[in-house]
PDB file of N, CA and C in Angstrom:
ATOM      1  N   MET A   1      39.054 -52.538 -61.959  1.00  0.00           N
ATOM      2  CA  MET A   1      40.227 -52.425 -61.651  1.00  0.00           C
ATOM      3  C   MET A   1      39.861 -52.748 -59.953  1.00  0.00           C
ATOM      4  N   ASN A   2      40.809 -53.024 -59.275  1.00  0.00           N
ATOM      5  CA  ASN A   2      41.262 -53.462 -57.990  1.00  0.00           C
ATOM      6  C   ASN A   2      42.248 -52.295 -57.680  1.00  0.00           C
ATOM      7  N   LEU A   3      42.265 -51.601 -56.140  1.00  0.00           N
ATOM      8  CA  LEU A   3      43.303 -50.766 -55.890  1.00  0.00           C
ATOM      9  C   LEU A   3      43.678 -51.342 -54.610  1.00  0.00           C
ATOM     10  N   SER A   4      44.665 -51.799 -54.104  1.00  0.00           N
ATOM     11  CA  SER A   4      45.243 -52.284 -52.689  1.00  0.00           C
ATOM     12  C   SER A   4      46.334 -51.336 -52.606  1.00  0.00           C
ATOM     13  N   THR A   5      46.093 -50.207 -51.301  1.00  0.00           N
ATOM     14  CA  THR A   5      47.298 -49.288 -50.989  1.00  0.00           C
ATOM     15  C   THR A   5      47.748 -49.644 -49.496  1.00  0.00           C
ATOM     16  N   THR A   6      48.841 -49.126 -49.144  1.00  0.00           N
ATOM     17  CA  THR A   6      49.360 -48.955 -48.001  1.00  0.00           C
ATOM     18  C   THR A   6      49.720 -47.731 -47.543  1.00  0.00           C
ATOM     19  N   ALA A   7      49.411 -46.974 -46.572  1.00  0.00           N
ATOM     20  CA  ALA A   7      49.531 -45.886 -46.039  1.00  0.00           C
ATOM     21  C   ALA A   7      50.745 -45.543 -45.261  1.00  0.00           C
ATOM     22  N   LEU A   8      51.623 -45.056 -45.421  1.00  0.00           N
ATOM     23  CA  LEU A   8      52.504 -45.387 -44.658  1.00  0.00           C
ATOM     24  C   LEU A   8      52.957 -43.451 -44.272  1.00  0.00           C
ATOM     25  N   PRO A   9      53.108 -43.284 -42.938  1.00  0.00           N
ATOM     26  CA  PRO A   9      53.341 -41.739 -42.693  1.00  0.00           C
ATOM     27  C   PRO A   9      54.633 -41.650 -42.767  1.00  0.00           C
ATOM     28  N   ILE A  10      54.961 -40.522 -43.441  1.00  0.00           N
ATOM     29  CA  ILE A  10      56.363 -40.116 -43.401  1.00  0.00           C
ATOM     30  C   ILE A  10      56.650 -38.500 -42.432  1.00  0.00           C
ATOM     31  N   GLN A  11      57.856 -38.202 -42.332  1.00  0.00           N
ATOM     32  CA  GLN A  11      57.631 -36.686 -41.584  1.00  0.00           C
ATOM     33  C   GLN A  11      56.556 -35.539 -41.934  1.00  0.00           C
ATOM     34  N   ASN A  12      56.434 -35.204 -43.289  1.00  0.00           N
ATOM     35  CA  ASN A  12      55.593 -34.161 -43.337  1.00  0.00           C
ATOM     36  C   ASN A  12      54.469 -34.546 -44.366  1.00  0.00           C
ATOM     37  N   GLY A  13      53.896 -36.017 -44.183  1.00  0.00           N
ATOM     38  CA  GLY A  13      52.918 -36.121 -45.216  1.00  0.00           C
ATOM     39  C   GLY A  13      52.557 -37.605 -45.309  1.00  0.00           C
ATOM     40  N   TYR A  14      52.369 -38.113 -46.410  1.00  0.00           N
ATOM     41  CA  TYR A  14      51.940 -39.522 -46.583  1.00  0.00           C
ATOM     42  C   TYR A  14      52.681 -40.267 -47.484  1.00  0.00           C
ATOM     43  N   PHE A  15      53.170 -41.425 -47.742  1.00  0.00           N
ATOM     44  CA  PHE A  15      53.713 -42.238 -48.765  1.00  0.00           C
ATOM     45  C   PHE A  15      52.636 -43.218 -49.457  1.00  0.00           C
ATOM     46  N   LEU A  16      52.143 -43.417 -50.018  1.00  0.00           N
ATOM     47  CA  LEU A  16      51.219 -44.543 -50.630  1.00  0.00           C
ATOM     48  C   LEU A  16      51.837 -45.323 -51.237  1.00  0.00           C
ATOM     49  N   ASP A  17      51.876 -46.523 -51.529  1.00  0.00           N
ATOM     50  CA  ASP A  17      52.351 -47.417 -52.410  1.00  0.00           C
ATOM     51  C   ASP A  17      51.273 -48.873 -52.656  1.00  0.00           C
ATOM     52  N   GLY A  18      51.071 -49.464 -53.824  1.00  0.00           N
ATOM     53  CA  GLY A  18      50.214 -50.389 -53.985  1.00  0.00           C
ATOM     54  C   GLY A  18      50.298 -51.006 -55.204  1.00  0.00           C
ATOM     55  N   TYR A  19      49.004 -51.467 -55.670  1.00  0.00           N
ATOM     56  CA  TYR A  19      48.738 -51.967 -56.959  1.00  0.00           C
ATOM     57  C   TYR A  19      47.671 -51.981 -57.748  1.00  0.00           C
ATOM     58  N   ILE A  20      47.399 -51.462 -58.830  1.00  0.00           N
ATOM     59  CA  ILE A  20      46.021 -51.559 -59.441  1.00  0.00           C
ATOM     60  C   ILE A  20      46.071 -52.946 -60.479  1.00  0.00           C
ATOM     61  N   CYS A  21      45.188 -53.565 -60.353  1.00  0.00           N
ATOM     62  CA  CYS A  21      45.214 -54.879 -61.199  1.00  0.00           C
ATOM     63  C   CYS A  21      43.800 -54.726 -61.954  1.00  0.00           C
ATOM     64  N   SER A  22      43.889 -55.446 -63.368  1.00  0.00           N
ATOM     65  CA  SER A  22      42.498 -55.311 -63.782  1.00  0.00           C
ATOM     66  C   SER A  22      41.511 -56.358 -63.406  1.00  0.00           C
ATOM     67  N   GLN A  23      40.175 -56.309 -63.629  1.00  0.00           N
ATOM     68  CA  GLN A  23      39.262 -57.241 -62.997  1.00  0.00           C
ATOM     69  C   GLN A  23      39.350 -58.583 -64.023  1.00  0.00           C
ATOM     70  N   SER A  24      39.630 -58.403 -65.111  1.00  0.00           N
ATOM     71  CA  SER A  24      39.443 -59.738 -65.886  1.00  0.00           C
ATOM     72  C   SER A  24      40.700 -60.381 -65.941  1.00  0.00           C
ATOM     73  N   ASN A  25      42.136 -59.806 -65.754  1.00  0.00           N
ATOM     74  CA  ASN A  25      43.441 -60.400 -65.512  1.00  0.00           C
ATOM     75  C   ASN A  25      43.996 -60.160 -64.557  1.00  0.00           C
ATOM     76  N   LYS A  26      43.935 -61.090 -63.581  1.00  0.00           N
ATOM     77  CA  LYS A  26      44.290 -60.563 -62.073  1.00  0.00           C
ATOM     78  C   LYS A  26      46.129 -60.647 -62.156  1.00  0.00           C
ATOM     79  N   ASN A  27      46.508 -61.397 -63.362  1.00  0.00           N
ATOM     80  CA  ASN A  27      48.006 -61.070 -63.283  1.00  0.00           C
ATOM     81  C   ASN A  27      48.707 -59.607 -64.008  1.00  0.00           C
ATOM     82  N   ASN A  28      47.711 -58.977 -64.299  1.00  0.00           N
ATOM     83  CA  ASN A  28      47.903 -57.864 -64.872  1.00  0.00           C
ATOM     84  C   ASN A  28      47.880 -56.708 -64.349  1.00  0.00           C
ATOM     85  N   CYS A  29      49.077 -56.317 -63.449  1.00  0.00           N
ATOM     86  CA  CYS A  29      48.870 -55.467 -62.131  1.00  0.00           C
ATOM     87  C   CYS A  29      50.042 -54.750 -62.191  1.00  0.00           C
ATOM     88  N   GLN A  30      49.817 -53.152 -62.132  1.00  0.00           N
ATOM     89  CA  GLN A  30      50.513 -52.084 -62.038  1.00  0.00           C
ATOM     90  C   GLN A  30      51.005 -51.516 -60.694  1.00  0.00           C
ATOM     91  N   ALA A  31      52.455 -51.155 -60.490  1.00  0.00           N
ATOM     92  CA  ALA A  31      52.689 -50.520 -58.959  1.00  0.00           C
ATOM     93  C   ALA A  31      52.403 -49.271 -58.894  1.00  0.00           C
ATOM     94  N   VAL A  32      51.794 -48.552 -58.086  1.00  0.00           N
ATOM     95  CA  VAL A  32      51.371 -47.306 -57.873  1.00  0.00           C
ATOM     96  C   VAL A  32      52.368 -46.577 -56.784  1.00  0.00           C
ATOM     97  N   ASN A  33      53.035 -45.725 -56.700  1.00  0.00           N
ATOM     98  CA  ASN A  33      53.791 -45.006 -55.646  1.00  0.00           C
ATOM     99  C   ASN A  33      53.478 -43.612 -55.797  1.00  0.00           C
ATOM    100  N   ILE A  34      53.221 -43.107 -54.455  1.00  0.00           N
ATOM    101  CA  ILE A  34      52.437 -41.355 -54.089  1.00  0.00           C
ATOM    102  C   ILE A  34      52.988 -41.227 -53.245  1.00  0.00           C
ATOM    103  N   ARG A  35      53.639 -39.860 -53.185  1.00  0.00           N
ATOM    104  CA  ARG A  35      54.147 -38.977 -52.140  1.00  0.00           C
ATOM    105  C   ARG A  35      53.459 -38.011 -51.884  1.00  0.00           C
ATOM    106  N   MET A  36      52.999 -37.922 -50.845  1.00  0.00           N
ATOM    107  CA  MET A  36      52.269 -36.257 -50.514  1.00  0.00           C
ATOM    108  C   MET A  36      52.999 -35.689 -49.411  1.00  0.00           C
ATOM    109  N   GLU A  37      53.440 -34.522 -49.758  1.00  0.00           N
ATOM    110  CA  GLU A  37      53.695 -33.760 -48.533  1.00  0.00           C
ATOM    111  C   GLU A  37      53.074 -32.647 -48.099  1.00  0.00           C
ATOM    112  N   TYR A  38      53.035 -32.180 -47.292  1.00  0.00           N
ATOM    113  CA  TYR A  38      52.676 -31.094 -46.489  1.00  0.00           C
ATOM    114  C   TYR A  38      53.251 -29.997 -46.145  1.00  0.00           C
ATOM    115  N   ILE A  39      53.145 -28.955 -46.782  1.00  0.00           N
ATOM    116  CA  ILE A  39      53.908 -27.612 -46.671  1.00  0.00           C
ATOM    117  C   ILE A  39      53.495 -26.939 -45.770  1.00  0.00           C
ATOM    118  N   SER A  40      54.113 -26.474 -44.541  1.00  0.00           N
ATOM    119  CA  SER A  40      53.501 -25.570 -43.454  1.00  0.00           C
ATOM    120  C   SER A  40      53.757 -24.365 -43.688  1.00  0.00           C
ATOM    121  N   PRO A  41      53.181 -23.080 -43.839  1.00  0.00           N
ATOM    122  CA  PRO A  41      53.598 -21.986 -44.233  1.00  0.00           C
ATOM    123  C   PRO A  41      54.363 -21.296 -42.960  1.00  0.00           C
ATOM    124  N   GLU A  42      55.356 -20.633 -43.444  1.00  0.00           N
ATOM    125  CA  GLU A  42      56.363 -19.897 -42.468  1.00  0.00           C
ATOM    126  C   GLU A  42      55.392 -18.789 -41.685  1.00  0.00           C
ATOM    127  N   ILE A  43      55.688 -18.756 -40.400  1.00  0.00           N
ATOM    128  CA  ILE A  43      54.929 -17.428 -39.511  1.00  0.00           C
ATOM    129  C   ILE A  43      55.829 -16.634 -39.666  1.00  0.00           C
ATOM    130  N   ASP A  44      55.720 -15.591 -39.569  1.00  0.00           N
ATOM    131  CA  ASP A  44      56.449 -14.220 -39.462  1.00  0.00           C
ATOM    132  C   ASP A  44      55.780 -13.377 -38.444  1.00  0.00           C
ATOM    133  N   SER A  45      56.470 -13.573 -37.089  1.00  0.00           N
ATOM    134  CA  SER A  45      56.287 -13.171 -36.000  1.00  0.00           C
ATOM    135  C   SER A  45      56.210 -11.492 -35.840  1.00  0.00           C
ATOM    136  N   SER A  46      57.225 -11.133 -36.646  1.00  0.00           N
ATOM    137  CA  SER A  46      57.398  -9.561 -36.320  1.00  0.00           C
ATOM    138  C   SER A  46      56.185  -8.979 -37.486  1.00  0.00           C
ATOM    139  N   MET A  47      55.590  -9.467 -38.345  1.00  0.00           N
ATOM    140  CA  MET A  47      54.559  -9.168 -39.092  1.00  0.00           C
ATOM    141  C   MET A  47      53.382  -9.361 -38.142  1.00  0.00           C
ATOM    142  N   LEU A  48      53.150 -10.527 -37.551  1.00  0.00           N
ATOM    143  CA  LEU A  48      52.115 -10.672 -36.740  1.00  0.00           C
ATOM    144  C   LEU A  48      51.973  -9.701 -35.525  1.00  0.00           C
ATOM    145  N   ALA A  49      53.107  -9.429 -35.117  1.00  0.00           N
ATOM    146  CA  ALA A  49      53.086  -8.329 -33.973  1.00  0.00           C
ATOM    147  C   ALA A  49      52.439  -6.999 -34.425  1.00  0.00           C
ATOM    148  N   GLN A  50      53.041  -6.784 -35.314  1.00  0.00           N
ATOM    149  CA  GLN A  50      52.458  -5.132 -36.205  1.00  0.00           C
ATOM    150  C   GLN A  50      50.990  -5.300 -36.376  1.00  0.00           C
ATOM    151  N   TYR A  51      50.506  -6.564 -36.805  1.00  0.00           N
ATOM    152  CA  TYR A  51      49.019  -6.569 -37.109  1.00  0.00           C
ATOM    153  C   TYR A  51      48.418  -6.423 -35.805  1.00  0.00           C
ATOM    154  N   TRP A  52      48.649  -6.889 -34.654  1.00  0.00           N
ATOM    155  CA  TRP A  52      48.156  -7.215 -33.110  1.00  0.00           C
ATOM    156  C   TRP A  52      48.029  -5.526 -32.904  1.00  0.00           C
ATOM    157  N   THR A  53      49.426  -5.058 -32.925  1.00  0.00           N
ATOM    158  CA  THR A  53      49.661  -3.934 -32.295  1.00  0.00           C
ATOM    159  C   THR A  53      48.832  -2.725 -32.992  1.00  0.00           C
ATOM    160  N   VAL A  54      48.586  -2.575 -34.415  1.00  0.00           N
ATOM    161  CA  VAL A  54      47.760  -1.799 -34.799  1.00  0.00           C
ATOM    162  C   VAL A  54      46.273  -2.079 -34.427  1.00  0.00           C
ATOM    163  N   GLY A  55      45.704  -3.324 -34.583  1.00  0.00           N
ATOM    164  CA  GLY A  55      44.485  -3.883 -34.134  1.00  0.00           C
ATOM    165  C   GLY A  55      44.171  -3.527 -32.403  1.00  0.00           C
ATOM    166  N   PHE A  56      45.144  -3.518 -31.674  1.00  0.00           N
ATOM    167  CA  PHE A  56      44.915  -3.260 -30.295  1.00  0.00           C
ATOM    168  C   PHE A  56      44.922  -1.504 -29.896  1.00  0.00           C
ATOM    169  N   THR A  57      45.734  -0.943 -30.955  1.00  0.00           N
ATOM    170  CA  THR A  57      45.701   0.552 -30.805  1.00  0.00           C
ATOM    171  C   THR A  57      44.404   1.295 -31.168  1.00  0.00           C
ATOM    172  N   THR A  58      43.957   0.482 -32.458  1.00  0.00           N
ATOM    173  CA  THR A  58      42.693   1.187 -32.932  1.00  0.00           C
ATOM    174  C   THR A  58      41.513   0.900 -31.942  1.00  0.00           C
ATOM    175  N   VAL A  59      41.556   0.000 -31.480  1.00  0.00           N
ATOM    176  CA  VAL A  59      40.143  -0.371 -30.183  1.00  0.00           C
ATOM    177  C   VAL A  59      40.433   0.414 -29.433  1.00  0.00           C
ATOM    178  N   LEU A  60      41.496   0.690 -28.417  1.00  0.00           N
ATOM    179  CA  LEU A  60      42.011   1.611 -27.615  1.00  0.00           C
ATOM    180  C   LEU A  60      41.596   2.978 -27.852  1.00  0.00           C
ATOM    181  N   PHE A  61      41.931   3.415 -29.220  1.00  0.00           N
ATOM    182  CA  PHE A  61      41.883   4.559 -29.627  1.00  0.00           C
ATOM    183  C   PHE A  61      40.030   4.956 -29.529  1.00  0.00           C
ATOM    184  N   LEU A  62      39.651   3.901 -30.299  1.00  0.00           N
ATOM    185  CA  LEU A  62      38.154   4.199 -30.474  1.00  0.00           C
ATOM    186  C   LEU A  62      37.026   4.171 -29.043  1.00  0.00           C
ATOM    187  N   TRP A  63      37.803   3.350 -28.178  1.00  0.00           N
ATOM    188  CA  TRP A  63      37.255   3.343 -26.534  1.00  0.00           C
ATOM    189  C   TRP A  63      37.619   4.648 -26.190  1.00  0.00           C
ATOM    190  N   LEU A  64      38.998   5.495 -25.835  1.00  0.00           N
ATOM    191  CA  LEU A  64      39.023   6.703 -25.667  1.00  0.00           C
ATOM    192  C   LEU A  64      38.025   7.601 -26.087  1.00  0.00           C
ATOM    193  N   PHE A  65      37.983   7.547 -27.426  1.00  0.00           N
ATOM    194  CA  PHE A  65      37.369   8.762 -27.986  1.00  0.00           C
ATOM    195  C   PHE A  65      35.682   8.345 -27.788  1.00  0.00           C
ATOM    196  N   SER A  66      35.441   7.348 -27.607  1.00  0.00           N
ATOM    197  CA  SER A  66      33.695   6.936 -27.139  1.00  0.00           C
ATOM    198  C   SER A  66      33.487   7.446 -25.757  1.00  0.00           C
ATOM    199  N   VAL A  67      34.621   7.456 -24.892  1.00  0.00           N
ATOM    200  CA  VAL A  67      34.480   7.798 -23.521  1.00  0.00           C
ATOM    201  C   VAL A  67      34.571   9.476 -23.285  1.00  0.00           C
ATOM    202  N   GLY A  68      35.357   9.971 -24.388  1.00  0.00           N
ATOM    203  CA  GLY A  68      35.245  11.663 -24.469  1.00  0.00           C
ATOM    204  C   GLY A  68      34.022  12.288 -25.160  1.00  0.00           C
ATOM    205  N   VAL A  69      33.500  11.371 -26.037  1.00  0.00           N
ATOM    206  CA  VAL A  69      32.254  11.798 -26.613  1.00  0.00           C
ATOM    207  C   VAL A  69      31.199  12.088 -25.589  1.00  0.00           C
ATOM    208  N   GLY A  70      31.002  10.819 -25.140  1.00  0.00           N
ATOM    209  CA  GLY A  70      30.154  10.387 -23.745  1.00  0.00           C
ATOM    210  C   GLY A  70      30.292  11.649 -22.754  1.00  0.00           C
ATOM    211  N   GLN A  71      31.536  11.906 -22.375  1.00  0.00           N
ATOM    212  CA  GLN A  71      31.703  13.267 -21.468  1.00  0.00           C
ATOM    213  C   GLN A  71      31.315  14.417 -21.938  1.00  0.00           C
ATOM    214  N   VAL A  72      31.344  14.553 -23.095  1.00  0.00           N
ATOM    215  CA  VAL A  72      30.972  15.650 -23.884  1.00  0.00           C
ATOM    216  C   VAL A  72      29.234  15.905 -23.721  1.00  0.00           C
ATOM    217  N   ILE A  73      28.873  14.760 -24.328  1.00  0.00           N
ATOM    218  CA  ILE A  73      27.320  14.471 -24.317  1.00  0.00           C
ATOM    219  C   ILE A  73      26.774  14.614 -22.689  1.00  0.00           C
ATOM    220  N   LYS A  74      27.326  14.133 -21.699  1.00  0.00           N
ATOM    221  CA  LYS A  74      26.853  14.105 -20.676  1.00  0.00           C
ATOM    222  C   LYS A  74      27.303  15.819 -20.003  1.00  0.00           C
ATOM    223  N   LEU A  75      28.022  16.302 -20.416  1.00  0.00           N
ATOM    224  CA  LEU A  75      28.271  17.798 -19.912  1.00  0.00           C
ATOM    225  C   LEU A  75      26.920  18.953 -20.484  1.00  0.00           C
ATOM    226  N   VAL A  76      26.867  18.349 -21.643  1.00  0.00           N
ATOM    227  CA  VAL A  76      25.902  19.235 -22.711  1.00  0.00           C
ATOM    228  C   VAL A  76      24.105  18.743 -22.019  1.00  0.00           C
ATOM    229  N   ARG A  77      24.241  17.859 -21.778  1.00  0.00           N
ATOM    230  CA  ARG A  77      22.743  17.278 -21.121  1.00  0.00           C
ATOM    231  C   ARG A  77      22.720  17.961 -19.824  1.00  0.00           C
ATOM    232  N   ASN A  78      23.653  17.829 -18.662  1.00  0.00           N
ATOM    233  CA  ASN A  78      23.574  18.611 -17.421  1.00  0.00           C
ATOM    234  C   ASN A  78      23.561  20.068 -17.376  1.00  0.00           C
ATOM    235  N   ALA A  79      24.136  20.941 -18.621  1.00  0.00           N
ATOM    236  CA  ALA A  79      24.156  22.107 -18.677  1.00  0.00           C
ATOM    237  C   ALA A  79      22.940  22.960 -18.659  1.00  0.00           C
TER     238      ALA A  79
END
């Protein structure tokens, strides 16, 4: 079997068209048309902002907590 194709870019993917021919009989060919489209995910910016806020707040809280614990340890060590 021989396969010859032409790839043409479309807006969101590719369109392939070509022919599949038999090795023994070159006159026995079949046309092939394939369209592949890319589906881009929808980005929810409000959900992204919520995740970012939770992450940032958590890191800030942990940093402030560790600073407080460090101050207590420093106070106990110097007492």
